[in-house]
């Protein structure tokens, strides 16, 4: 009996879809998987139908892109960097967004695999422990992560931990001792968790007690009254806020203005992303800048090298960040740092104050999507 592709799949221990990709688009399949499929083909003396292979074997020249959102200009800038090179090289892009939802993430990746994309550029919630990335490593197609700062996977990113550390050290150098970080839901973004870890390390090394991140709901056109009161009242209120992205920093600036607090005279604010639009604010937003379009271009170049089989180098590629001072950070007068250890501890305990998650940390309105 003539062996079929189903027999090859059973012999190799892979799905029919994986065997089909190995036959028709071998450049999209993990080399170990490809070797096992070819061994099964040789063992069974399987011969693909030449006409069918010719019809199916044309390269799709289609690349899948999976992003959390396009509402955040960070990802729009990355996409522009990708598209510039894709268009020049004759590729088409198929884009899907996930809204920071794990189920939508899986659906997007499976949909793109079914479209026989030659490769994927992804931003996911948790790169180190994502089970679907393990499947892609085994079965393909080849992929590169973008803005996921991980050493375990092919990735292009800024160093989120170091960037946050540098930014918070700058706030401390300006005399701030009670510094609070605001972020979206930490469970939905490994980038935000890495930035909080950098914040915490900078505080600890300065002899200060870091507070848990104040998690603001993604649906936040403005700050909830309870959150705003928490930030603006009390003897141990923070004097500086580190926001996990620039969009959130803009929401905070708007809320403080409505509370008749001056930025930076009454409260300093530091964002993260270095969005061009943040320079149009009054005052311009101080921010940790990341080269988003360059990250997109580097992710594309790395994916093309992987598909072409000529990529050599480390899995992770880290691009530099920079501090953009803007006009939202001001120095405050303080006694020597060690004299404020108790104040810092009070700030750490008070700023956690039951404000993480829950209705007290949320506000209605349009989406403010957080990198």
Protein backbone atom coordinates (compact mmCIF):
# COMPACT_ATOMS: atom_id res chain seq x y z
CA UNK A 1 0.00 0.00 0.00
CA UNK A 2 1.31 3.43 -0.94
CA UNK A 3 2.11 5.47 2.19
CA UNK A 4 0.19 8.70 2.74
CA UNK A 5 0.99 11.94 4.50
CA UNK A 6 -1.10 10.63 7.41
CA UNK A 7 1.29 7.67 7.72
CA UNK A 8 4.28 10.02 7.72
CA UNK A 9 2.69 12.13 10.46
CA UNK A 10 2.04 9.07 12.62
CA UNK A 11 5.57 7.75 12.09
CA UNK A 12 7.22 11.10 12.88
CA UNK A 13 4.92 11.90 15.79
CA UNK A 14 3.68 15.21 14.43
CA UNK A 15 0.42 16.54 13.08
CA UNK A 16 -0.47 16.33 9.39
CA UNK A 17 -0.27 20.14 9.26
CA UNK A 18 3.30 20.09 10.54
CA UNK A 19 4.33 17.42 8.03
CA UNK A 20 2.67 19.42 5.26
CA UNK A 21 4.67 22.51 6.22
CA UNK A 22 7.86 20.45 6.35
CA UNK A 23 7.24 19.27 2.79
CA UNK A 24 5.91 22.47 1.24
CA UNK A 25 7.58 25.22 3.26
CA UNK A 26 10.58 23.69 5.04
CA UNK A 27 12.06 27.12 5.78
CA UNK A 28 9.19 27.70 8.26
CA UNK A 29 9.81 24.54 10.30
CA UNK A 30 12.15 23.96 13.23
CA UNK A 31 15.29 22.12 11.96
CA UNK A 32 14.88 19.27 14.47
CA UNK A 33 11.26 18.76 13.43
CA UNK A 34 12.23 18.92 9.77
CA UNK A 35 14.88 16.24 10.25
CA UNK A 36 12.40 13.88 11.94
CA UNK A 37 9.84 14.36 9.18
CA UNK A 38 12.44 13.67 6.50
CA UNK A 39 13.55 10.53 8.34
CA UNK A 40 9.93 9.33 8.36
CA UNK A 41 9.59 10.11 4.65
CA UNK A 42 12.72 8.10 3.87
CA UNK A 43 11.70 5.20 6.12
CA UNK A 44 8.26 4.92 4.52
CA UNK A 45 9.50 5.75 1.00
CA UNK A 46 6.81 8.40 0.83
CA UNK A 47 6.69 10.43 -2.37
CA UNK A 48 4.57 13.60 -2.38
CA UNK A 49 2.36 14.17 -5.41
CA UNK A 50 4.52 16.40 -7.67
CA UNK A 51 1.58 18.42 -9.01
CA UNK A 52 0.09 18.93 -5.56
CA UNK A 53 3.46 19.92 -4.17
CA UNK A 54 3.95 22.42 -6.97
CA UNK A 55 0.55 23.95 -6.33
CA UNK A 56 0.98 24.05 -2.58
CA UNK A 57 4.68 24.78 -2.44
CA UNK A 58 4.66 28.40 -3.59
CA UNK A 59 5.85 30.70 -0.85
CA UNK A 60 3.01 32.74 0.58
CA UNK A 61 5.25 35.75 1.26
CA UNK A 62 2.86 36.44 4.11
CA UNK A 63 4.07 37.36 7.61
CA UNK A 64 1.78 37.37 10.62
CA UNK A 65 1.99 40.14 13.22
CA UNK A 66 0.31 39.79 16.63
CA UNK A 67 0.16 42.90 18.85
CA UNK A 68 -1.76 43.71 22.03
CA UNK A 69 -3.31 46.85 20.51
CA UNK A 70 -2.83 49.65 18.02
CA UNK A 71 -4.40 52.24 20.35
CA UNK A 72 -1.02 52.59 22.04
CA UNK A 73 1.32 54.41 19.62
CA UNK A 74 4.22 52.24 20.82
CA UNK A 75 2.89 49.30 18.82
CA UNK A 76 1.84 51.46 15.89
CA UNK A 77 5.43 52.74 15.66
CA UNK A 78 6.75 49.16 15.78
CA UNK A 79 4.32 48.13 13.04
CA UNK A 80 5.44 51.02 10.86
CA UNK A 81 9.04 49.85 11.18
CA UNK A 82 8.01 46.33 10.15
CA UNK A 83 5.86 47.50 7.25
CA UNK A 84 8.59 49.71 5.79
CA UNK A 85 10.84 46.68 5.29
CA UNK A 86 8.07 44.22 4.40
CA UNK A 87 6.83 46.42 1.56
CA UNK A 88 10.33 46.96 0.22
CA UNK A 89 10.97 43.20 0.16
CA UNK A 90 7.68 42.17 -1.42
CA UNK A 91 5.99 40.65 1.64
CA UNK A 92 2.45 41.14 2.88
CA UNK A 93 1.49 41.51 6.53
CA UNK A 94 -1.49 39.96 8.27
CA UNK A 95 -2.18 41.78 11.55
CA UNK A 96 -4.18 40.61 14.56
CA UNK A 97 -4.60 42.30 17.95
CA UNK A 98 -5.30 40.61 21.27
CA UNK A 99 -6.36 43.35 23.73
CA UNK A 100 -4.03 41.76 26.29
CA UNK A 101 -6.23 38.66 26.43
CA UNK A 102 -4.60 35.20 26.56
CA UNK A 103 -7.42 33.45 24.70
CA UNK A 104 -7.31 36.02 21.90
CA UNK A 105 -3.54 35.58 21.78
CA UNK A 106 -3.88 31.85 21.14
CA UNK A 107 -6.67 32.38 18.60
CA UNK A 108 -4.60 34.95 16.71
CA UNK A 109 -1.56 32.68 16.47
CA UNK A 110 -3.62 29.65 15.42
CA UNK A 111 -5.45 31.73 12.80
CA UNK A 112 -2.18 32.93 11.31
CA UNK A 113 -0.73 29.42 11.28
CA UNK A 114 -3.78 28.25 9.35
CA UNK A 115 -3.10 30.99 6.79
CA UNK A 116 0.34 29.40 6.17
CA UNK A 117 2.29 32.50 7.11
CA UNK A 118 6.02 32.11 6.59
CA UNK A 119 6.82 33.64 9.97
CA UNK A 120 5.43 35.55 12.94
CA UNK A 121 6.33 38.73 14.80
CA UNK A 122 4.67 38.71 18.21
CA UNK A 123 4.18 40.65 21.42
CA UNK A 124 2.73 38.36 24.09
CA UNK A 125 1.74 38.62 27.75
CA UNK A 126 4.45 36.37 29.18
CA UNK A 127 7.23 35.30 26.86
CA UNK A 128 9.10 33.03 29.26
CA UNK A 129 6.19 30.73 30.15
CA UNK A 130 3.94 30.95 27.09
CA UNK A 131 2.94 27.36 26.13
CA UNK A 132 2.08 28.27 22.55
CA UNK A 133 5.60 29.59 22.01
CA UNK A 134 6.88 26.15 23.00
CA UNK A 135 4.64 24.72 20.26
CA UNK A 136 6.03 27.21 17.74
CA UNK A 137 9.57 26.27 18.76
CA UNK A 138 8.75 22.64 17.99
CA UNK A 139 6.47 22.88 14.97
CA UNK A 140 6.89 26.37 13.48
CA UNK A 141 6.45 28.70 11.88
CA UNK A 142 9.54 30.61 12.91
CA UNK A 143 8.93 33.73 14.98
CA UNK A 144 10.56 36.71 16.68
CA UNK A 145 9.20 38.44 19.77
CA UNK A 146 9.01 42.22 19.86
CA UNK A 147 9.06 44.28 23.08
CA UNK A 148 9.20 41.04 25.13
CA UNK A 149 12.45 41.31 27.07
CA UNK A 150 13.48 37.65 27.40
CA UNK A 151 16.70 35.69 27.02
CA UNK A 152 14.88 32.39 26.35
CA UNK A 153 13.29 33.24 23.00
CA UNK A 154 14.22 35.03 19.77
CA UNK A 155 13.42 38.61 20.74
CA UNK A 156 14.07 42.31 20.16
CA UNK A 157 13.41 44.72 23.00
CA UNK A 158 14.68 47.46 25.23
CA UNK A 159 15.91 46.38 28.67
CA UNK A 160 12.75 47.10 30.66
CA UNK A 161 14.32 46.38 34.03
CA UNK A 162 17.39 48.55 33.46
CA UNK A 163 15.38 51.36 31.86
CA UNK A 164 13.00 51.57 34.82
CA UNK A 165 15.92 51.38 37.24
CA UNK A 166 17.65 54.28 35.48
CA UNK A 167 14.48 56.37 35.48
CA UNK A 168 13.75 55.87 39.17
CA UNK A 169 17.38 56.56 40.06
CA UNK A 170 16.97 59.88 38.27
CA UNK A 171 13.90 60.70 40.39
CA UNK A 172 15.83 59.81 43.54
CA UNK A 173 18.71 62.03 42.40
CA UNK A 174 16.19 64.88 42.15
CA UNK A 175 15.43 64.47 45.85
CA UNK A 176 12.33 62.28 45.65
CA UNK A 177 11.90 59.68 48.39
CA UNK A 178 8.22 58.77 48.10
CA UNK A 179 7.94 57.41 44.57
CA UNK A 180 4.99 55.32 43.44
CA UNK A 181 4.70 53.29 40.24
CA UNK A 182 1.42 53.18 38.31
CA UNK A 183 0.78 50.44 35.77
CA UNK A 184 -1.93 48.47 34.03
CA UNK A 185 -2.77 44.95 35.10
CA UNK A 186 0.63 43.38 35.80
CA UNK A 187 -0.59 39.88 34.93
CA UNK A 188 -1.25 41.03 31.35
CA UNK A 189 2.24 42.37 30.64
CA UNK A 190 5.67 40.96 31.40
CA UNK A 191 7.03 44.37 30.36
CA UNK A 192 5.20 46.08 33.24
CA UNK A 193 6.40 43.45 35.71
CA UNK A 194 10.01 43.92 34.61
CA UNK A 195 9.66 47.69 34.96
CA UNK A 196 8.28 47.32 38.47
CA UNK A 197 11.23 45.09 39.37
CA UNK A 198 13.60 47.81 38.13
CA UNK A 199 11.71 50.42 40.16
CA UNK A 200 11.91 48.23 43.27
CA UNK A 201 15.65 47.64 42.91
CA UNK A 202 16.39 51.35 42.52
CA UNK A 203 14.36 52.12 45.65
CA UNK A 204 15.99 49.36 47.69
CA UNK A 205 19.51 50.36 46.70
CA UNK A 206 18.74 53.91 47.87
CA UNK A 207 17.57 52.62 51.25
CA UNK A 208 13.91 53.21 50.41
CA UNK A 209 11.01 50.79 50.61
CA UNK A 210 9.29 50.19 47.25
CA UNK A 211 5.51 50.05 47.12
CA UNK A 212 3.43 47.58 45.13
CA UNK A 213 2.46 49.00 41.74
CA UNK A 214 -0.85 50.83 41.75
CA UNK A 215 -2.71 48.91 39.03
CA UNK A 216 -5.02 51.08 36.95
CA UNK A 217 -7.65 49.42 34.78
CA UNK A 218 -7.02 49.49 31.04
CA UNK A 219 -10.34 51.31 30.59
CA UNK A 220 -9.14 54.58 32.04
CA UNK A 221 -9.86 57.88 30.36
CA UNK A 222 -9.45 59.52 33.74
CA UNK A 223 -8.47 58.51 37.24
CA UNK A 224 -11.17 57.32 39.61
CA UNK A 225 -11.85 59.80 42.46
CA UNK A 226 -10.53 57.35 45.07
CA UNK A 227 -7.27 56.92 43.15
CA UNK A 228 -6.88 60.65 42.68
CA UNK A 229 -7.51 61.30 46.38
CA UNK A 230 -4.97 58.64 47.27
CA UNK A 231 -2.33 60.33 45.13
CA UNK A 232 -2.97 63.90 46.23
CA UNK A 233 -3.87 63.88 49.94
CA UNK A 234 -2.12 62.96 53.16
CA UNK A 235 1.24 63.83 54.70
CA UNK A 236 2.92 60.81 53.14
CA UNK A 237 1.52 61.12 49.62
CA UNK A 238 4.04 60.42 46.85
CA UNK A 239 6.05 63.32 45.49
CA UNK A 240 6.82 61.54 42.21
CA UNK A 241 4.95 59.06 40.03
CA UNK A 242 6.60 56.58 37.68
CA UNK A 243 4.04 55.54 35.06
CA UNK A 244 4.57 52.32 33.10
CA UNK A 245 3.83 54.09 29.83
CA UNK A 246 3.28 57.54 28.43
CA UNK A 247 -0.46 57.16 27.83
CA UNK A 248 -1.01 56.41 31.49
CA UNK A 249 1.19 59.37 32.42
CA UNK A 250 -1.04 61.62 30.29
CA UNK A 251 -4.14 60.36 32.10
CA UNK A 252 -2.44 61.07 35.42
CA UNK A 253 -1.45 64.59 34.36
CA UNK A 254 -5.03 65.31 33.39
CA UNK A 255 -6.31 64.07 36.74
CA UNK A 256 -3.80 66.10 38.72
CA UNK A 257 -4.68 69.22 36.77
CA UNK A 258 -8.34 68.74 37.64
CA UNK A 259 -7.33 68.33 41.28
CA UNK A 260 -5.54 71.70 41.01
CA UNK A 261 -2.13 70.13 41.51
CA UNK A 262 0.76 71.54 39.51
CA UNK A 263 3.16 69.37 37.56
CA UNK A 264 6.04 69.36 38.40
CA UNK A 265 5.82 71.85 41.29
CA UNK A 266 3.44 69.69 43.35
CA UNK A 267 4.03 66.29 41.74
CA UNK A 268 6.73 65.02 39.39
CA UNK A 269 5.76 62.53 36.68
CA UNK A 270 7.95 60.17 34.64
CA UNK A 271 6.54 58.15 31.76
CA UNK A 272 7.90 55.26 29.71
CA UNK A 273 8.04 55.02 25.88
CA UNK A 274 9.20 58.46 24.72
CA UNK A 275 6.21 59.00 22.43
CA UNK A 276 6.53 61.99 20.13
CA UNK A 277 3.08 63.24 21.13
CA UNK A 278 4.21 63.53 24.76
CA UNK A 279 6.48 66.40 23.72
CA UNK A 280 3.38 68.42 22.78
CA UNK A 281 2.03 68.42 26.33
CA UNK A 282 2.34 71.42 28.62
CA UNK A 283 4.76 70.81 30.20
CA UNK A 284 6.40 68.21 27.93
CA UNK A 285 6.42 64.78 29.56
CA UNK A 286 9.64 63.41 31.01
CA UNK A 287 9.94 59.85 29.76
CA UNK A 288 12.18 56.84 29.28
CA UNK A 289 12.50 56.62 25.52
CA UNK A 290 12.56 53.36 23.56
CA UNK A 291 13.35 53.11 19.80
CA UNK A 292 10.03 51.59 18.78
CA UNK A 293 10.30 51.82 14.98
CA UNK A 294 13.85 50.49 15.20
CA UNK A 295 12.62 47.59 17.35
CA UNK A 296 10.11 46.76 14.61
CA UNK A 297 12.76 46.91 11.89
CA UNK A 298 15.20 44.80 13.92
CA UNK A 299 12.49 42.19 14.58
CA UNK A 300 11.80 41.97 10.83
CA UNK A 301 15.48 41.61 9.96
CA UNK A 302 15.95 38.91 12.56
CA UNK A 303 12.90 36.99 11.32
CA UNK A 304 14.11 37.16 7.71
CA UNK A 305 17.50 35.84 8.82
CA UNK A 306 15.85 32.95 10.66
CA UNK A 307 13.64 32.09 7.68
CA UNK A 308 16.64 32.24 5.37
CA UNK A 309 18.56 29.90 7.66
CA UNK A 310 21.51 32.25 8.09
CA UNK A 311 20.88 33.85 11.47
CA UNK A 312 23.74 33.56 13.94
CA UNK A 313 23.96 35.27 17.29
CA UNK A 314 22.26 35.36 20.68
CA UNK A 315 18.52 34.79 20.98
CA UNK A 316 17.88 38.18 22.58
CA UNK A 317 18.72 41.49 20.94
CA UNK A 318 18.54 44.51 23.26
CA UNK A 319 18.33 48.06 21.93
CA UNK A 320 19.29 51.12 24.00
CA UNK A 321 16.92 53.38 25.91
CA UNK A 322 17.39 57.01 26.88
CA UNK A 323 16.07 59.47 29.46
CA UNK A 324 14.13 62.41 28.03
CA UNK A 325 13.82 65.03 30.74
CA UNK A 326 10.89 67.04 29.38
CA UNK A 327 9.38 69.36 31.95
CA UNK A 328 7.46 67.15 34.39
CA UNK A 329 10.25 66.33 36.85
CA UNK A 330 11.48 68.89 39.38
CA UNK A 331 14.01 68.64 42.18
CA UNK A 332 12.82 68.90 45.77
CA UNK A 333 14.85 69.89 48.81
CA UNK A 334 15.60 67.12 51.26
CA UNK A 335 17.77 66.25 54.19
CA UNK A 336 20.29 63.44 53.56
CA UNK A 337 18.67 60.30 52.17
CA UNK A 338 19.26 58.14 55.25
CA UNK A 339 17.15 60.49 57.37
CA UNK A 340 14.10 59.61 55.32
CA UNK A 341 14.10 55.84 55.70
CA UNK A 342 11.01 55.90 57.95
CA UNK A 343 9.18 58.24 55.56
CA UNK A 344 9.99 55.88 52.72
CA UNK A 345 8.69 52.90 54.67
CA UNK A 346 5.49 54.79 55.47
CA UNK A 347 5.09 55.65 51.81
CA UNK A 348 5.57 52.01 50.85
CA UNK A 349 2.88 50.82 53.24
CA UNK A 350 0.43 53.64 52.54
CA UNK A 351 0.67 53.59 48.77
CA UNK A 352 -0.28 49.92 48.65
CA UNK A 353 -3.37 50.84 50.76
CA UNK A 354 -5.74 48.33 49.19
CA UNK A 355 -5.55 50.18 45.86
CA UNK A 356 -4.23 47.38 43.65
CA UNK A 357 -6.91 46.17 41.29
CA UNK A 358 -10.51 46.23 42.50
CA UNK A 359 -13.02 48.95 41.75
CA UNK A 360 -10.99 51.56 43.64
CA UNK A 361 -8.23 51.31 41.04
CA UNK A 362 -10.42 51.56 37.97
CA UNK A 363 -12.10 54.28 35.98
CA UNK A 364 -14.50 54.10 33.09
CA UNK A 365 -13.98 55.47 29.58
CA UNK A 366 -12.10 54.55 26.45
CA UNK A 367 -9.20 52.14 26.48
CA UNK A 368 -5.79 53.31 27.59
CA UNK A 369 -3.78 50.33 26.39
CA UNK A 370 -0.60 49.78 28.28
CA UNK A 371 2.67 48.50 26.88
